[in-house]
């Protein structure tokens, strides 16, 4: 069974960013989280929705030439 709730370090690893960046996204509300006791977790489905909502970056002229 897939883990349903992820720690900030697990989210950071999945996204390829630092834990500080994950905590910043949680704090500013761009990445929803839930409180469990004294800790915060990110629901797997919220992380997946966050990634789906990211806008693709525009193609650079180098990519268009390929």
N, C-alpha and C. Protein backbone atom coordinates (compact mmCIF):
# COMPACT_ATOMS: atom_id res chain seq x y z
N UNK A 1 0.84 -1.19 0.00
CA UNK A 1 0.00 0.00 0.00
C UNK A 1 0.88 1.25 0.00
N UNK A 2 0.52 2.20 -0.85
CA UNK A 2 1.26 3.46 -0.90
C UNK A 2 1.03 4.24 0.39
N UNK A 3 2.06 4.92 0.81
CA UNK A 3 1.97 5.79 1.98
C UNK A 3 1.02 6.94 1.65
N UNK A 4 0.05 7.21 2.52
CA UNK A 4 -0.95 8.24 2.26
C UNK A 4 -0.51 9.62 2.73
N UNK A 5 0.25 9.68 3.81
CA UNK A 5 0.70 10.95 4.37
C UNK A 5 2.22 11.01 4.31
N UNK A 6 2.73 12.11 3.78
CA UNK A 6 4.17 12.25 3.57
C UNK A 6 4.77 13.32 4.47
N UNK A 7 5.97 13.03 4.99
CA UNK A 7 6.72 14.04 5.75
C UNK A 7 7.33 15.05 4.78
N UNK A 8 7.71 16.20 5.32
CA UNK A 8 8.30 17.26 4.48
C UNK A 8 9.53 16.74 3.75
N UNK A 9 10.33 15.92 4.41
CA UNK A 9 11.53 15.39 3.76
C UNK A 9 11.17 14.48 2.58
N UNK A 10 10.09 13.73 2.69
CA UNK A 10 9.65 12.86 1.60
C UNK A 10 9.10 13.67 0.44
N UNK A 11 8.37 14.74 0.76
CA UNK A 11 7.85 15.63 -0.27
C UNK A 11 9.02 16.30 -0.99
N UNK A 12 10.00 16.76 -0.23
CA UNK A 12 11.17 17.42 -0.81
C UNK A 12 11.88 16.48 -1.77
N UNK A 13 12.06 15.24 -1.37
CA UNK A 13 12.73 14.27 -2.23
C UNK A 13 11.93 14.02 -3.50
N UNK A 14 10.61 13.89 -3.36
CA UNK A 14 9.76 13.63 -4.53
C UNK A 14 9.79 14.78 -5.52
N UNK A 15 9.87 16.01 -5.02
CA UNK A 15 9.86 17.19 -5.88
C UNK A 15 11.25 17.63 -6.31
N UNK A 16 12.27 17.13 -5.65
CA UNK A 16 13.63 17.55 -5.97
C UNK A 16 13.95 18.94 -5.47
N UNK A 17 13.37 19.29 -4.33
CA UNK A 17 13.61 20.60 -3.72
C UNK A 17 14.06 20.38 -2.27
N UNK A 18 14.39 21.45 -1.57
CA UNK A 18 14.82 21.34 -0.18
C UNK A 18 13.61 21.27 0.75
N UNK A 19 13.85 20.80 1.97
CA UNK A 19 12.78 20.79 2.98
C UNK A 19 12.33 22.22 3.28
N UNK A 20 13.27 23.15 3.25
CA UNK A 20 12.93 24.55 3.50
C UNK A 20 11.91 25.04 2.47
N UNK A 21 12.11 24.66 1.23
CA UNK A 21 11.16 25.04 0.17
C UNK A 21 9.80 24.42 0.43
N UNK A 22 9.77 23.16 0.85
CA UNK A 22 8.49 22.50 1.15
C UNK A 22 7.79 23.22 2.29
N UNK A 23 8.51 23.54 3.36
CA UNK A 23 7.89 24.25 4.49
C UNK A 23 7.39 25.63 4.06
N UNK A 24 8.11 26.28 3.16
CA UNK A 24 7.66 27.59 2.67
C UNK A 24 6.34 27.44 1.90
N UNK A 25 6.23 26.39 1.07
CA UNK A 25 5.01 26.15 0.31
C UNK A 25 3.84 25.81 1.23
N UNK A 26 4.12 25.06 2.29
CA UNK A 26 3.07 24.74 3.27
C UNK A 26 2.63 26.02 3.98
N UNK A 27 3.61 26.81 4.41
CA UNK A 27 3.30 28.04 5.15
C UNK A 27 2.51 29.03 4.31
N UNK A 28 2.86 29.17 3.02
CA UNK A 28 2.14 30.16 2.19
C UNK A 28 0.84 29.61 1.61
N UNK A 29 0.56 28.33 1.88
CA UNK A 29 -0.72 27.75 1.47
C UNK A 29 -0.74 27.16 0.08
N UNK A 30 0.37 27.21 -0.65
CA UNK A 30 0.37 26.65 -2.00
C UNK A 30 0.38 25.12 -1.99
N UNK A 31 0.81 24.52 -0.88
CA UNK A 31 0.80 23.07 -0.73
C UNK A 31 0.02 22.75 0.55
N UNK A 32 -1.18 22.18 0.41
CA UNK A 32 -2.00 21.87 1.60
C UNK A 32 -1.33 20.82 2.48
N UNK A 33 -1.59 20.92 3.78
CA UNK A 33 -1.06 19.93 4.72
C UNK A 33 -2.10 19.68 5.80
N UNK A 34 -1.89 18.59 6.53
CA UNK A 34 -2.77 18.26 7.65
C UNK A 34 -1.92 18.15 8.90
N UNK A 35 -2.52 18.47 10.04
CA UNK A 35 -1.82 18.39 11.31
C UNK A 35 -2.10 17.03 11.93
N UNK A 36 -1.05 16.35 12.34
CA UNK A 36 -1.16 15.06 13.04
C UNK A 36 -0.36 15.17 14.32
N UNK A 37 -1.04 15.35 15.43
CA UNK A 37 -0.32 15.54 16.69
C UNK A 37 0.50 16.80 16.62
N UNK A 38 1.80 16.65 16.83
CA UNK A 38 2.71 17.81 16.79
C UNK A 38 3.37 18.00 15.44
N UNK A 39 2.98 17.22 14.45
CA UNK A 39 3.65 17.30 13.16
C UNK A 39 2.67 17.64 12.04
N UNK A 40 3.22 17.96 10.89
CA UNK A 40 2.43 18.24 9.69
C UNK A 40 2.79 17.20 8.65
N UNK A 41 1.78 16.80 7.89
CA UNK A 41 1.98 15.84 6.80
C UNK A 41 1.26 16.37 5.57
N UNK A 42 1.72 15.94 4.41
CA UNK A 42 1.09 16.29 3.13
C UNK A 42 0.43 15.02 2.61
N UNK A 43 -0.85 15.13 2.29
CA UNK A 43 -1.55 13.98 1.72
C UNK A 43 -1.01 13.74 0.31
N UNK A 44 -0.79 12.48 -0.01
CA UNK A 44 -0.26 12.11 -1.33
C UNK A 44 -1.11 12.72 -2.43
N UNK A 45 -2.43 12.67 -2.29
CA UNK A 45 -3.31 13.21 -3.34
C UNK A 45 -3.15 14.72 -3.47
N UNK A 46 -2.87 15.43 -2.38
CA UNK A 46 -2.65 16.87 -2.46
C UNK A 46 -1.33 17.18 -3.18
N UNK A 47 -0.31 16.36 -2.92
CA UNK A 47 0.97 16.54 -3.62
C UNK A 47 0.79 16.29 -5.11
N UNK A 48 0.07 15.24 -5.47
CA UNK A 48 -0.16 14.94 -6.88
C UNK A 48 -0.96 16.05 -7.56
N UNK A 49 -1.96 16.59 -6.86
CA UNK A 49 -2.75 17.70 -7.41
C UNK A 49 -1.89 18.95 -7.58
N UNK A 50 -0.99 19.18 -6.62
CA UNK A 50 -0.08 20.32 -6.71
C UNK A 50 0.78 20.22 -7.97
N UNK A 51 1.32 19.04 -8.21
CA UNK A 51 2.19 18.84 -9.37
C UNK A 51 1.39 18.99 -10.66
N UNK A 52 0.17 18.43 -10.70
CA UNK A 52 -0.67 18.57 -11.90
C UNK A 52 -0.99 20.03 -12.18
N UNK A 53 -1.07 20.85 -11.14
CA UNK A 53 -1.42 22.26 -11.29
C UNK A 53 -0.27 23.14 -11.71
N UNK A 54 0.94 22.60 -11.72
CA UNK A 54 2.10 23.40 -12.13
C UNK A 54 2.02 23.67 -13.63
N UNK A 55 2.28 24.91 -13.99
CA UNK A 55 2.27 25.27 -15.41
C UNK A 55 3.57 24.81 -16.05
N UNK A 56 3.48 24.21 -17.22
CA UNK A 56 4.72 23.83 -17.91
C UNK A 56 5.49 25.08 -18.30
N UNK A 57 6.81 24.98 -18.26
CA UNK A 57 7.62 26.14 -18.64
C UNK A 57 7.59 26.28 -20.16
N UNK A 58 7.65 27.51 -20.65
CA UNK A 58 7.66 27.72 -22.11
C UNK A 58 8.90 27.08 -22.71
N UNK A 59 8.77 26.59 -23.92
CA UNK A 59 9.90 25.98 -24.61
C UNK A 59 10.93 27.05 -24.95
N UNK A 60 12.18 26.71 -24.77
CA UNK A 60 13.24 27.63 -25.16
C UNK A 60 13.49 27.47 -26.65
N UNK A 61 14.16 28.40 -27.25
CA UNK A 61 14.45 28.33 -28.69
C UNK A 61 15.31 27.12 -29.01
N UNK A 62 16.15 26.66 -28.05
CA UNK A 62 16.98 25.49 -28.26
C UNK A 62 16.12 24.24 -28.38
N UNK A 63 15.06 24.12 -27.58
CA UNK A 63 14.19 22.96 -27.61
C UNK A 63 13.37 22.94 -28.89
N UNK A 64 12.96 24.12 -29.38
CA UNK A 64 12.16 24.19 -30.58
C UNK A 64 12.98 23.78 -31.80
N UNK A 65 14.28 24.05 -31.78
CA UNK A 65 15.14 23.74 -32.91
C UNK A 65 15.42 22.24 -33.01
N UNK A 66 15.26 21.53 -31.91
CA UNK A 66 15.59 20.08 -31.89
C UNK A 66 14.56 19.24 -32.60
